[in-house]
PDB file of N, CA and C in Angstrom:
ATOM      1  N   CYS A   1       7.509 -13.495 -17.065  1.00  0.00           N
ATOM      2  CA  CYS A   1       5.174 -13.169 -16.127  1.00  0.00           C
ATOM      3  C   CYS A   1       5.548 -11.826 -16.214  1.00  0.00           C
ATOM      4  N   VAL A   2       4.757 -11.131 -16.533  1.00  0.00           N
ATOM      5  CA  VAL A   2       4.346 -10.049 -15.040  1.00  0.00           C
ATOM      6  C   VAL A   2       2.888 -10.103 -15.298  1.00  0.00           C
ATOM      7  N   ALA A   3       2.175  -9.667 -14.420  1.00  0.00           N
ATOM      8  CA  ALA A   3       0.546 -10.304 -13.545  1.00  0.00           C
ATOM      9  C   ALA A   3       0.763  -8.654 -13.003  1.00  0.00           C
ATOM     10  N   THR A   4      -0.961  -8.198 -13.152  1.00  0.00           N
ATOM     11  CA  THR A   4      -1.207  -6.912 -12.228  1.00  0.00           C
ATOM     12  C   THR A   4      -1.643  -8.155 -10.469  1.00  0.00           C
ATOM     13  N   PHE A   5      -1.665  -7.860  -9.394  1.00  0.00           N
ATOM     14  CA  PHE A   5      -1.361  -8.620  -8.902  1.00  0.00           C
ATOM     15  C   PHE A   5      -2.575  -7.513  -8.055  1.00  0.00           C
ATOM     16  N   SER A   6      -2.513  -6.603  -7.596  1.00  0.00           N
ATOM     17  CA  SER A   6      -3.610  -5.295  -7.195  1.00  0.00           C
ATOM     18  C   SER A   6      -3.614  -3.965  -7.819  1.00  0.00           C
ATOM     19  N   GLY A   7      -4.462  -3.666  -7.531  1.00  0.00           N
ATOM     20  CA  GLY A   7      -4.259  -2.274  -8.558  1.00  0.00           C
ATOM     21  C   GLY A   7      -6.028  -2.309  -9.414  1.00  0.00           C
ATOM     22  N   THR A   8      -6.160  -1.118 -10.038  1.00  0.00           N
ATOM     23  CA  THR A   8      -6.665  -0.347 -11.757  1.00  0.00           C
ATOM     24  C   THR A   8      -5.877  -0.431 -12.423  1.00  0.00           C
ATOM     25  N   GLY A   9      -4.399  -0.240 -12.329  1.00  0.00           N
ATOM     26  CA  GLY A   9      -3.832   0.195 -13.269  1.00  0.00           C
ATOM     27  C   GLY A   9      -4.200   1.878 -14.033  1.00  0.00           C
ATOM     28  N   LYS A  10      -4.688   2.234 -12.685  1.00  0.00           N
ATOM     29  CA  LYS A  10      -4.992   3.978 -12.585  1.00  0.00           C
ATOM     30  C   LYS A  10      -4.706   4.777 -11.526  1.00  0.00           C
ATOM     31  N   PRO A  11      -3.111   5.619 -11.319  1.00  0.00           N
ATOM     32  CA  PRO A  11      -2.908   5.783 -10.125  1.00  0.00           C
ATOM     33  C   PRO A  11      -4.322   6.523  -9.235  1.00  0.00           C
ATOM     34  N   GLY A  12      -3.920   6.573  -8.083  1.00  0.00           N
ATOM     35  CA  GLY A  12      -5.335   6.958  -6.944  1.00  0.00           C
ATOM     36  C   GLY A  12      -4.645   6.441  -6.234  1.00  0.00           C
ATOM     37  N   TYR A  13      -5.644   6.687  -4.893  1.00  0.00           N
ATOM     38  CA  TYR A  13      -5.721   5.873  -3.920  1.00  0.00           C
ATOM     39  C   TYR A  13      -7.208   5.603  -3.082  1.00  0.00           C
ATOM     40  N   LYS A  14      -6.968   3.927  -2.953  1.00  0.00           N
ATOM     41  CA  LYS A  14      -8.449   3.254  -2.668  1.00  0.00           C
ATOM     42  C   LYS A  14      -8.144   1.979  -1.870  1.00  0.00           C
ATOM     43  N   ASP A  15      -8.857   1.773  -0.927  1.00  0.00           N
ATOM     44  CA  ASP A  15      -8.189   0.355  -0.410  1.00  0.00           C
ATOM     45  C   ASP A  15     -10.003  -0.239  -0.587  1.00  0.00           C
ATOM     46  N   GLY A  16      -9.569  -1.465  -0.390  1.00  0.00           N
ATOM     47  CA  GLY A  16     -10.532  -2.879  -1.253  1.00  0.00           C
ATOM     48  C   GLY A  16     -10.350  -3.626  -1.194  1.00  0.00           C
ATOM     49  N   PRO A  17     -10.656  -4.368  -2.216  1.00  0.00           N
ATOM     50  CA  PRO A  17     -10.594  -5.930  -2.547  1.00  0.00           C
ATOM     51  C   PRO A  17      -9.538  -5.079  -4.012  1.00  0.00           C
ATOM     52  N   ALA A  18      -8.270  -6.413  -3.626  1.00  0.00           N
ATOM     53  CA  ALA A  18      -7.325  -5.413  -4.627  1.00  0.00           C
ATOM     54  C   ALA A  18      -8.188  -5.621  -5.835  1.00  0.00           C
ATOM     55  N   THR A  19      -8.672  -6.649  -6.366  1.00  0.00           N
ATOM     56  CA  THR A  19      -8.992  -5.934  -8.390  1.00  0.00           C
ATOM     57  C   THR A  19      -9.290  -4.636  -8.010  1.00  0.00           C
ATOM     58  N   ASN A  20     -10.359  -3.793  -6.934  1.00  0.00           N
ATOM     59  CA  ASN A  20     -11.036  -2.392  -7.256  1.00  0.00           C
ATOM     60  C   ASN A  20      -9.871  -1.560  -6.976  1.00  0.00           C
ATOM     61  N   SER A  21      -8.660  -1.619  -6.047  1.00  0.00           N
ATOM     62  CA  SER A  21      -7.728  -1.272  -5.536  1.00  0.00           C
ATOM     63  C   SER A  21      -6.708  -0.424  -5.850  1.00  0.00           C
ATOM     64  N   GLN A  22      -5.905   0.909  -5.845  1.00  0.00           N
ATOM     65  CA  GLN A  22      -5.492   1.942  -6.449  1.00  0.00           C
ATOM     66  C   GLN A  22      -4.337   2.399  -5.634  1.00  0.00           C
ATOM     67  N   PHE A  23      -3.096   2.726  -6.212  1.00  0.00           N
ATOM     68  CA  PHE A  23      -2.231   3.198  -5.552  1.00  0.00           C
ATOM     69  C   PHE A  23      -1.345   4.271  -6.822  1.00  0.00           C
ATOM     70  N   GLN A  24      -1.111   4.840  -5.954  1.00  0.00           N
ATOM     71  CA  GLN A  24      -0.237   6.395  -6.358  1.00  0.00           C
ATOM     72  C   GLN A  24       1.472   6.218  -6.346  1.00  0.00           C
ATOM     73  N   ASP A  25       1.856   5.720  -7.322  1.00  0.00           N
ATOM     74  CA  ASP A  25       3.843   5.332  -8.020  1.00  0.00           C
ATOM     75  C   ASP A  25       4.295   4.445  -6.176  1.00  0.00           C
ATOM     76  N   PRO A  26       3.881   3.269  -6.081  1.00  0.00           N
ATOM     77  CA  PRO A  26       3.771   2.450  -5.180  1.00  0.00           C
ATOM     78  C   PRO A  26       5.774   2.737  -5.301  1.00  0.00           C
ATOM     79  N   GLY A  27       6.505   1.740  -3.948  1.00  0.00           N
ATOM     80  CA  GLY A  27       7.954   1.912  -3.966  1.00  0.00           C
ATOM     81  C   GLY A  27       7.879   0.571  -3.366  1.00  0.00           C
ATOM     82  N   SER A  28       8.672   0.574  -2.615  1.00  0.00           N
ATOM     83  CA  SER A  28       9.515  -0.710  -2.302  1.00  0.00           C
ATOM     84  C   SER A  28       8.416  -2.026  -1.249  1.00  0.00           C
ATOM     85  N   LEU A  29       8.449  -2.920  -1.304  1.00  0.00           N
ATOM     86  CA  LEU A  29       7.872  -4.195  -0.966  1.00  0.00           C
ATOM     87  C   LEU A  29       8.119  -4.662   0.181  1.00  0.00           C
ATOM     88  N   THR A  30       7.485  -5.392   0.692  1.00  0.00           N
ATOM     89  CA  THR A  30       8.077  -6.708   1.795  1.00  0.00           C
ATOM     90  C   THR A  30       7.490  -7.666   2.147  1.00  0.00           C
ATOM     91  N   ILE A  31       7.035  -8.929   2.479  1.00  0.00           N
ATOM     92  CA  ILE A  31       6.070  -9.760   2.388  1.00  0.00           C
ATOM     93  C   ILE A  31       5.963 -10.154   4.709  1.00  0.00           C
ATOM     94  N   ASP A  32       5.108 -10.845   4.993  1.00  0.00           N
ATOM     95  CA  ASP A  32       5.449 -10.588   6.139  1.00  0.00           C
ATOM     96  C   ASP A  32       5.333 -12.278   6.686  1.00  0.00           C
ATOM     97  N   GLN A  33       5.385 -12.851   7.708  1.00  0.00           N
ATOM     98  CA  GLN A  33       5.541 -14.161   7.817  1.00  0.00           C
ATOM     99  C   GLN A  33       4.207 -15.204   7.167  1.00  0.00           C
ATOM    100  N   GLN A  34       3.324 -14.078   7.524  1.00  0.00           N
ATOM    101  CA  GLN A  34       1.233 -14.669   7.686  1.00  0.00           C
ATOM    102  C   GLN A  34       1.120 -14.232   6.212  1.00  0.00           C
ATOM    103  N   GLY A  35       1.972 -13.769   4.607  1.00  0.00           N
ATOM    104  CA  GLY A  35       2.235 -13.934   3.729  1.00  0.00           C
ATOM    105  C   GLY A  35       1.363 -11.998   3.034  1.00  0.00           C
ATOM    106  N   ASN A  36       1.307 -11.526   4.198  1.00  0.00           N
ATOM    107  CA  ASN A  36       0.608 -10.287   3.937  1.00  0.00           C
ATOM    108  C   ASN A  36       1.794  -9.394   3.186  1.00  0.00           C
ATOM    109  N   LEU A  37       1.548  -8.780   1.755  1.00  0.00           N
ATOM    110  CA  LEU A  37       2.656  -7.787   1.283  1.00  0.00           C
ATOM    111  C   LEU A  37       2.229  -6.266   1.861  1.00  0.00           C
ATOM    112  N   TYR A  38       3.465  -5.470   2.075  1.00  0.00           N
ATOM    113  CA  TYR A  38       3.083  -4.196   2.277  1.00  0.00           C
ATOM    114  C   TYR A  38       4.172  -3.149   0.983  1.00  0.00           C
ATOM    115  N   VAL A  39       3.077  -2.406   1.024  1.00  0.00           N
ATOM    116  CA  VAL A  39       3.983  -1.505  -0.476  1.00  0.00           C
ATOM    117  C   VAL A  39       4.036  -0.033   0.498  1.00  0.00           C
ATOM    118  N   VAL A  40       5.383   0.296   0.343  1.00  0.00           N
ATOM    119  CA  VAL A  40       5.514   1.750   0.925  1.00  0.00           C
ATOM    120  C   VAL A  40       4.995   2.746  -0.690  1.00  0.00           C
ATOM    121  N   SER A  41       3.753   3.632  -0.330  1.00  0.00           N
ATOM    122  CA  SER A  41       3.905   4.884  -1.223  1.00  0.00           C
ATOM    123  C   SER A  41       4.399   6.143  -0.971  1.00  0.00           C
ATOM    124  N   PRO A  42       5.134   6.466  -0.988  1.00  0.00           N
ATOM    125  CA  PRO A  42       6.150   7.844  -0.998  1.00  0.00           C
ATOM    126  C   PRO A  42       5.487   8.957  -0.927  1.00  0.00           C
ATOM    127  N   LYS A  43       4.931   8.744  -2.139  1.00  0.00           N
ATOM    128  CA  LYS A  43       3.979  10.001  -2.200  1.00  0.00           C
ATOM    129  C   LYS A  43       3.045  10.570  -1.690  1.00  0.00           C
ATOM    130  N   THR A  44       2.375   9.519  -1.186  1.00  0.00           N
ATOM    131  CA  THR A  44       0.870   9.702  -1.097  1.00  0.00           C
ATOM    132  C   THR A  44       1.595   9.434   1.339  1.00  0.00           C
ATOM    133  N   HIS A  45       2.316   9.524   1.165  1.00  0.00           N
ATOM    134  CA  HIS A  45       2.581   8.797   2.720  1.00  0.00           C
ATOM    135  C   HIS A  45       1.425   8.337   3.303  1.00  0.00           C
ATOM    136  N   ARG A  46       2.043   6.965   2.890  1.00  0.00           N
ATOM    137  CA  ARG A  46       1.146   5.333   3.124  1.00  0.00           C
ATOM    138  C   ARG A  46       1.968   4.182   3.190  1.00  0.00           C
ATOM    139  N   ILE A  47       1.632   2.895   4.339  1.00  0.00           N
ATOM    140  CA  ILE A  47       2.115   2.027   3.938  1.00  0.00           C
ATOM    141  C   ILE A  47       0.602   0.941   3.757  1.00  0.00           C
ATOM    142  N   ARG A  48       0.788   0.445   2.441  1.00  0.00           N
ATOM    143  CA  ARG A  48      -0.291   0.009   2.638  1.00  0.00           C
ATOM    144  C   ARG A  48       0.141  -1.471   2.665  1.00  0.00           C
ATOM    145  N   LYS A  49      -0.941  -2.329   3.275  1.00  0.00           N
ATOM    146  CA  LYS A  49      -1.069  -3.914   3.348  1.00  0.00           C
ATOM    147  C   LYS A  49      -2.058  -4.349   2.496  1.00  0.00           C
ATOM    148  N   ILE A  50      -1.636  -5.663   1.797  1.00  0.00           N
ATOM    149  CA  ILE A  50      -2.834  -6.583   0.825  1.00  0.00           C
ATOM    150  C   ILE A  50      -2.081  -7.799   1.233  1.00  0.00           C
ATOM    151  N   ASP A  51      -3.133  -8.392   1.879  1.00  0.00           N
ATOM    152  CA  ASP A  51      -4.121  -9.621   3.106  1.00  0.00           C
ATOM    153  C   ASP A  51      -4.035 -10.930   2.101  1.00  0.00           C
ATOM    154  N   PRO A  52      -3.107 -12.272   2.292  1.00  0.00           N
ATOM    155  CA  PRO A  52      -3.364 -13.477   1.645  1.00  0.00           C
ATOM    156  C   PRO A  52      -4.862 -13.402   0.696  1.00  0.00           C
ATOM    157  N   SER A  53      -6.694 -12.747   1.827  1.00  0.00           N
ATOM    158  CA  SER A  53      -7.335 -13.283   0.743  1.00  0.00           C
ATOM    159  C   SER A  53      -7.331 -11.806  -0.286  1.00  0.00           C
ATOM    160  N   GLY A  54      -6.766 -11.041  -0.502  1.00  0.00           N
ATOM    161  CA  GLY A  54      -6.922  -9.759  -1.814  1.00  0.00           C
ATOM    162  C   GLY A  54      -7.486  -8.724  -1.040  1.00  0.00           C
ATOM    163  N   THR A  55      -7.539  -8.174   0.099  1.00  0.00           N
ATOM    164  CA  THR A  55      -8.069  -6.738   0.357  1.00  0.00           C
ATOM    165  C   THR A  55      -7.025  -6.069   0.495  1.00  0.00           C
ATOM    166  N   VAL A  56      -6.915  -5.336   0.072  1.00  0.00           N
ATOM    167  CA  VAL A  56      -5.794  -3.559   0.828  1.00  0.00           C
ATOM    168  C   VAL A  56      -6.713  -2.956   1.256  1.00  0.00           C
ATOM    169  N   ILE A  57      -5.567  -2.592   2.838  1.00  0.00           N
ATOM    170  CA  ILE A  57      -5.895  -1.410   3.633  1.00  0.00           C
ATOM    171  C   ILE A  57      -4.990  -0.647   3.506  1.00  0.00           C
ATOM    172  N   THR A  58      -5.266   0.082   4.154  1.00  0.00           N
ATOM    173  CA  THR A  58      -3.828   1.612   4.817  1.00  0.00           C
ATOM    174  C   THR A  58      -3.427   0.614   6.245  1.00  0.00           C
ATOM    175  N   PHE A  59      -2.128   0.596   6.394  1.00  0.00           N
ATOM    176  CA  PHE A  59      -1.237  -0.035   7.525  1.00  0.00           C
ATOM    177  C   PHE A  59      -1.084   1.122   8.260  1.00  0.00           C
ATOM    178  N   ALA A  60      -0.031   2.345   7.558  1.00  0.00           N
ATOM    179  CA  ALA A  60       0.815   3.652   8.512  1.00  0.00           C
ATOM    180  C   ALA A  60       0.288   4.647   7.243  1.00  0.00           C
ATOM    181  N   GLY A  61       0.149   5.364   7.964  1.00  0.00           N
ATOM    182  CA  GLY A  61       0.032   6.834   7.462  1.00  0.00           C
ATOM    183  C   GLY A  61      -1.344   7.278   7.915  1.00  0.00           C
ATOM    184  N   ASP A  62      -1.680   8.848   7.256  1.00  0.00           N
ATOM    185  CA  ASP A  62      -2.911   9.131   7.196  1.00  0.00           C
ATOM    186  C   ASP A  62      -2.840  10.279   5.407  1.00  0.00           C
ATOM    187  N   GLY A  63      -1.723  10.035   4.973  1.00  0.00           N
ATOM    188  CA  GLY A  63      -1.784  10.979   3.681  1.00  0.00           C
ATOM    189  C   GLY A  63      -0.897  12.025   4.069  1.00  0.00           C
ATOM    190  N   THR A  64      -0.758  12.243   4.762  1.00  0.00           N
ATOM    191  CA  THR A  64      -0.018  13.810   5.714  1.00  0.00           C
ATOM    192  C   THR A  64       1.791  13.055   5.502  1.00  0.00           C
ATOM    193  N   GLN A  65       2.520  14.488   5.660  1.00  0.00           N
ATOM    194  CA  GLN A  65       3.831  14.112   5.043  1.00  0.00           C
ATOM    195  C   GLN A  65       3.942  14.635   6.734  1.00  0.00           C
ATOM    196  N   GLY A  66       5.341  13.342   7.967  1.00  0.00           N
ATOM    197  CA  GLY A  66       5.215  13.505   8.913  1.00  0.00           C
ATOM    198  C   GLY A  66       7.056  14.170   9.190  1.00  0.00           C
ATOM    199  N   ASP A  67       6.963  13.962   9.679  1.00  0.00           N
ATOM    200  CA  ASP A  67       8.682  15.431  10.605  1.00  0.00           C
ATOM    201  C   ASP A  67       9.536  14.346  11.380  1.00  0.00           C
ATOM    202  N   LYS A  68      10.545  15.161  11.308  1.00  0.00           N
ATOM    203  CA  LYS A  68      11.470  14.901  12.460  1.00  0.00           C
ATOM    204  C   LYS A  68      11.268  13.957  14.325  1.00  0.00           C
ATOM    205  N   ASN A  69      10.161  14.388  14.110  1.00  0.00           N
ATOM    206  CA  ASN A  69       9.934  14.616  15.809  1.00  0.00           C
ATOM    207  C   ASN A  69       8.713  13.467  15.621  1.00  0.00           C
ATOM    208  N   GLY A  70       8.156  13.368  14.876  1.00  0.00           N
ATOM    209  CA  GLY A  70       6.549  12.362  14.815  1.00  0.00           C
ATOM    210  C   GLY A  70       6.899  11.033  15.021  1.00  0.00           C
ATOM    211  N   PRO A  71       6.118   9.979  15.301  1.00  0.00           N
ATOM    212  CA  PRO A  71       6.250   8.910  15.777  1.00  0.00           C
ATOM    213  C   PRO A  71       7.178   7.739  14.974  1.00  0.00           C
ATOM    214  N   ALA A  72       7.287   7.449  14.928  1.00  0.00           N
ATOM    215  CA  ALA A  72       8.483   6.188  13.982  1.00  0.00           C
ATOM    216  C   ALA A  72       7.217   5.041  13.694  1.00  0.00           C
ATOM    217  N   LEU A  73       7.519   4.693  13.050  1.00  0.00           N
ATOM    218  CA  LEU A  73       6.685   3.658  12.289  1.00  0.00           C
ATOM    219  C   LEU A  73       7.943   2.543  12.417  1.00  0.00           C
TER     220      LEU A  73
END
């Protein structure tokens, strides 16, 4: 079974309710002990978080590529 958990199905960048959010080429996923899902988006240089209530926020990154001397996550 395949289902849409978050996103509109159209590529883009938009935080908010999971049903209205947008992602651009989502990559790796992980879940923490509180049930938050983290989605890596390498092309947009962001990590997004989807909380158990279904809200999407930008957890890390501002859309600009970092550098080797920048802060680590």
